[in-house]
Amino acid sequence: MKHNISITMDSKLFRELENLRGREKRSTFIEHLLILGLKTYINKKEEFKVKPRKAPVVVLSPMNFSETKQ
């Protein structure tokens, strides 16, 4: 099940995102970046032994862009 969210971002960040994604769907590309970022965050958290938060963070397996196209 997917959830629809809305975000606001700096115009420079938006332009950078648009330049990087090319012809890929924006939502698919942002989801991919979030998965990569969460994995990095969890790895760093384990590396520096940060105390866990009350709500666990679950990271989904990385998706190839082609897997999300229908």
N, C-alpha and C. Protein backbone atom coordinates (compact mmCIF):
# COMPACT_ATOMS: atom_id res chain seq x y z
N MET A 1 0.84 -1.18 0.00
CA MET A 1 0.00 0.00 0.00
C MET A 1 0.89 1.25 0.00
N LYS A 2 0.58 2.17 -0.84
CA LYS A 2 1.35 3.41 -0.92
C LYS A 2 0.54 4.53 -0.31
N HIS A 3 1.25 5.55 0.18
CA HIS A 3 0.62 6.72 0.76
C HIS A 3 0.99 7.94 -0.07
N ASN A 4 0.06 8.85 -0.20
CA ASN A 4 0.31 10.08 -0.93
C ASN A 4 0.67 11.16 0.08
N ILE A 5 1.82 11.82 -0.12
CA ILE A 5 2.24 12.90 0.77
C ILE A 5 2.53 14.14 -0.04
N SER A 6 2.60 15.25 0.63
CA SER A 6 2.94 16.51 -0.02
C SER A 6 4.09 17.14 0.76
N ILE A 7 5.08 17.67 0.04
CA ILE A 7 6.21 18.32 0.70
C ILE A 7 6.49 19.66 0.02
N THR A 8 7.16 20.52 0.75
CA THR A 8 7.67 21.75 0.16
C THR A 8 9.19 21.69 0.23
N MET A 9 9.83 22.23 -0.78
CA MET A 9 11.29 22.22 -0.79
C MET A 9 11.81 23.49 -1.44
N ASP A 10 13.03 23.78 -1.13
CA ASP A 10 13.72 24.93 -1.69
C ASP A 10 13.78 24.80 -3.21
N SER A 11 13.66 25.91 -3.91
CA SER A 11 13.65 25.86 -5.38
C SER A 11 14.96 25.32 -5.95
N LYS A 12 16.09 25.59 -5.29
CA LYS A 12 17.37 25.07 -5.77
C LYS A 12 17.41 23.55 -5.64
N LEU A 13 16.90 23.03 -4.54
CA LEU A 13 16.83 21.58 -4.35
C LEU A 13 15.92 20.95 -5.39
N PHE A 14 14.80 21.60 -5.67
CA PHE A 14 13.87 21.08 -6.66
C PHE A 14 14.52 21.02 -8.04
N ARG A 15 15.23 22.08 -8.42
CA ARG A 15 15.91 22.08 -9.73
C ARG A 15 16.96 20.98 -9.81
N GLU A 16 17.71 20.78 -8.72
CA GLU A 16 18.72 19.72 -8.70
C GLU A 16 18.07 18.35 -8.85
N LEU A 17 16.97 18.16 -8.15
CA LEU A 17 16.22 16.91 -8.25
C LEU A 17 15.75 16.67 -9.68
N GLU A 18 15.21 17.71 -10.30
CA GLU A 18 14.72 17.60 -11.68
C GLU A 18 15.86 17.28 -12.65
N ASN A 19 17.01 17.90 -12.45
CA ASN A 19 18.16 17.64 -13.32
C ASN A 19 18.67 16.22 -13.17
N LEU A 20 18.65 15.69 -11.96
CA LEU A 20 19.15 14.34 -11.71
C LEU A 20 18.21 13.25 -12.21
N ARG A 21 16.93 13.45 -12.08
CA ARG A 21 15.98 12.37 -12.38
C ARG A 21 15.79 12.12 -13.86
N GLY A 22 16.06 13.09 -14.70
CA GLY A 22 15.90 12.88 -16.13
C GLY A 22 14.45 12.60 -16.48
N ARG A 23 14.19 11.47 -17.16
CA ARG A 23 12.85 11.14 -17.61
C ARG A 23 12.11 10.25 -16.62
N GLU A 24 12.74 9.90 -15.53
CA GLU A 24 12.11 9.05 -14.51
C GLU A 24 10.97 9.80 -13.83
N LYS A 25 9.93 9.08 -13.42
CA LYS A 25 8.84 9.72 -12.69
C LYS A 25 9.38 10.34 -11.41
N ARG A 26 8.93 11.53 -11.10
CA ARG A 26 9.42 12.25 -9.92
C ARG A 26 9.18 11.46 -8.64
N SER A 27 7.97 10.93 -8.46
CA SER A 27 7.66 10.21 -7.22
C SER A 27 8.51 8.96 -7.06
N THR A 28 8.76 8.26 -8.15
CA THR A 28 9.60 7.06 -8.11
C THR A 28 11.03 7.41 -7.74
N PHE A 29 11.53 8.49 -8.32
CA PHE A 29 12.89 8.92 -8.05
C PHE A 29 13.05 9.37 -6.60
N ILE A 30 12.10 10.13 -6.10
CA ILE A 30 12.16 10.59 -4.71
C ILE A 30 12.07 9.41 -3.75
N GLU A 31 11.21 8.44 -4.05
CA GLU A 31 11.11 7.24 -3.21
C GLU A 31 12.45 6.50 -3.17
N HIS A 32 13.10 6.38 -4.31
CA HIS A 32 14.40 5.73 -4.39
C HIS A 32 15.43 6.46 -3.53
N LEU A 33 15.45 7.80 -3.62
CA LEU A 33 16.39 8.59 -2.82
C LEU A 33 16.10 8.44 -1.32
N LEU A 34 14.84 8.39 -0.95
CA LEU A 34 14.49 8.21 0.46
C LEU A 34 14.96 6.86 0.99
N ILE A 35 14.80 5.82 0.19
CA ILE A 35 15.27 4.49 0.59
C ILE A 35 16.78 4.50 0.79
N LEU A 36 17.51 5.09 -0.16
CA LEU A 36 18.97 5.18 -0.02
C LEU A 36 19.35 5.98 1.22
N GLY A 37 18.67 7.09 1.45
CA GLY A 37 18.95 7.93 2.60
C GLY A 37 18.66 7.23 3.92
N LEU A 38 17.56 6.48 3.99
CA LEU A 38 17.24 5.75 5.22
C LEU A 38 18.26 4.66 5.50
N LYS A 39 18.68 3.97 4.46
CA LYS A 39 19.72 2.94 4.66
C LYS A 39 21.00 3.55 5.19
N THR A 40 21.40 4.68 4.61
CA THR A 40 22.61 5.38 5.08
C THR A 40 22.43 5.83 6.53
N TYR A 41 21.28 6.38 6.83
CA TYR A 41 20.99 6.84 8.19
C TYR A 41 21.09 5.70 9.19
N ILE A 42 20.51 4.56 8.86
CA ILE A 42 20.54 3.41 9.77
C ILE A 42 21.97 2.91 9.94
N ASN A 43 22.73 2.85 8.86
CA ASN A 43 24.12 2.41 8.96
C ASN A 43 24.94 3.34 9.83
N LYS A 44 24.77 4.64 9.68
CA LYS A 44 25.49 5.61 10.50
C LYS A 44 25.05 5.51 11.96
N LYS A 45 23.77 5.31 12.17
CA LYS A 45 23.23 5.20 13.53
C LYS A 45 23.87 4.00 14.24
N GLU A 46 24.00 2.89 13.52
CA GLU A 46 24.62 1.70 14.11
C GLU A 46 26.12 1.94 14.34
N GLU A 47 26.75 2.65 13.43
CA GLU A 47 28.17 2.92 13.53
C GLU A 47 28.49 3.77 14.76
N PHE A 48 27.63 4.74 15.04
CA PHE A 48 27.87 5.63 16.18
C PHE A 48 27.05 5.27 17.41
N LYS A 49 26.35 4.14 17.35
CA LYS A 49 25.55 3.61 18.45
C LYS A 49 24.61 4.66 19.05
N VAL A 50 23.78 5.23 18.18
CA VAL A 50 22.77 6.20 18.60
C VAL A 50 21.64 5.44 19.27
N LYS A 51 21.08 6.00 20.33
CA LYS A 51 19.97 5.37 21.03
C LYS A 51 18.78 5.24 20.09
N PRO A 52 18.12 4.08 20.10
CA PRO A 52 16.96 3.90 19.22
C PRO A 52 15.80 4.79 19.64
N ARG A 53 15.00 5.17 18.68
CA ARG A 53 13.80 5.96 18.95
C ARG A 53 12.66 5.03 19.32
N LYS A 54 11.57 5.62 19.81
CA LYS A 54 10.40 4.82 20.19
C LYS A 54 9.80 4.10 18.99
N ALA A 55 9.69 4.79 17.87
CA ALA A 55 9.13 4.18 16.67
C ALA A 55 10.26 3.60 15.84
N PRO A 56 10.20 2.30 15.54
CA PRO A 56 11.27 1.70 14.74
C PRO A 56 11.24 2.19 13.30
N VAL A 57 12.40 2.23 12.69
CA VAL A 57 12.52 2.62 11.29
C VAL A 57 12.66 1.34 10.47
N VAL A 58 11.79 1.17 9.52
CA VAL A 58 11.83 0.00 8.65
C VAL A 58 12.25 0.45 7.27
N VAL A 59 13.28 -0.18 6.71
CA VAL A 59 13.76 0.18 5.38
C VAL A 59 13.35 -0.92 4.42
N LEU A 60 12.70 -0.51 3.36
CA LEU A 60 12.28 -1.45 2.34
C LEU A 60 13.47 -1.83 1.47
N SER A 61 13.36 -2.94 0.81
CA SER A 61 14.44 -3.33 -0.10
C SER A 61 14.49 -2.32 -1.25
N PRO A 62 15.69 -2.05 -1.77
CA PRO A 62 15.78 -1.07 -2.85
C PRO A 62 15.04 -1.56 -4.08
N MET A 63 14.41 -0.64 -4.76
CA MET A 63 13.67 -0.98 -5.97
C MET A 63 14.41 -0.44 -7.18
N ASN A 64 14.41 -1.22 -8.21
CA ASN A 64 14.87 -0.70 -9.48
C ASN A 64 13.75 0.16 -10.02
N PHE A 65 14.07 1.21 -10.73
CA PHE A 65 13.04 2.06 -11.27
C PHE A 65 12.06 1.28 -12.13
N SER A 66 12.53 0.27 -12.83
CA SER A 66 11.67 -0.50 -13.71
C SER A 66 10.65 -1.32 -12.94
N GLU A 67 10.94 -1.65 -11.66
CA GLU A 67 10.01 -2.45 -10.86
C GLU A 67 8.76 -1.67 -10.49
N THR A 68 8.84 -0.36 -10.42
CA THR A 68 7.71 0.43 -9.98
C THR A 68 6.85 0.91 -11.13
N LYS A 69 7.32 0.78 -12.34
CA LYS A 69 6.53 1.19 -13.51
C LYS A 69 5.47 0.14 -13.79
N GLN A 70 4.29 0.62 -14.14
CA GLN A 70 3.22 -0.32 -14.49
C GLN A 70 2.61 0.04 -15.80
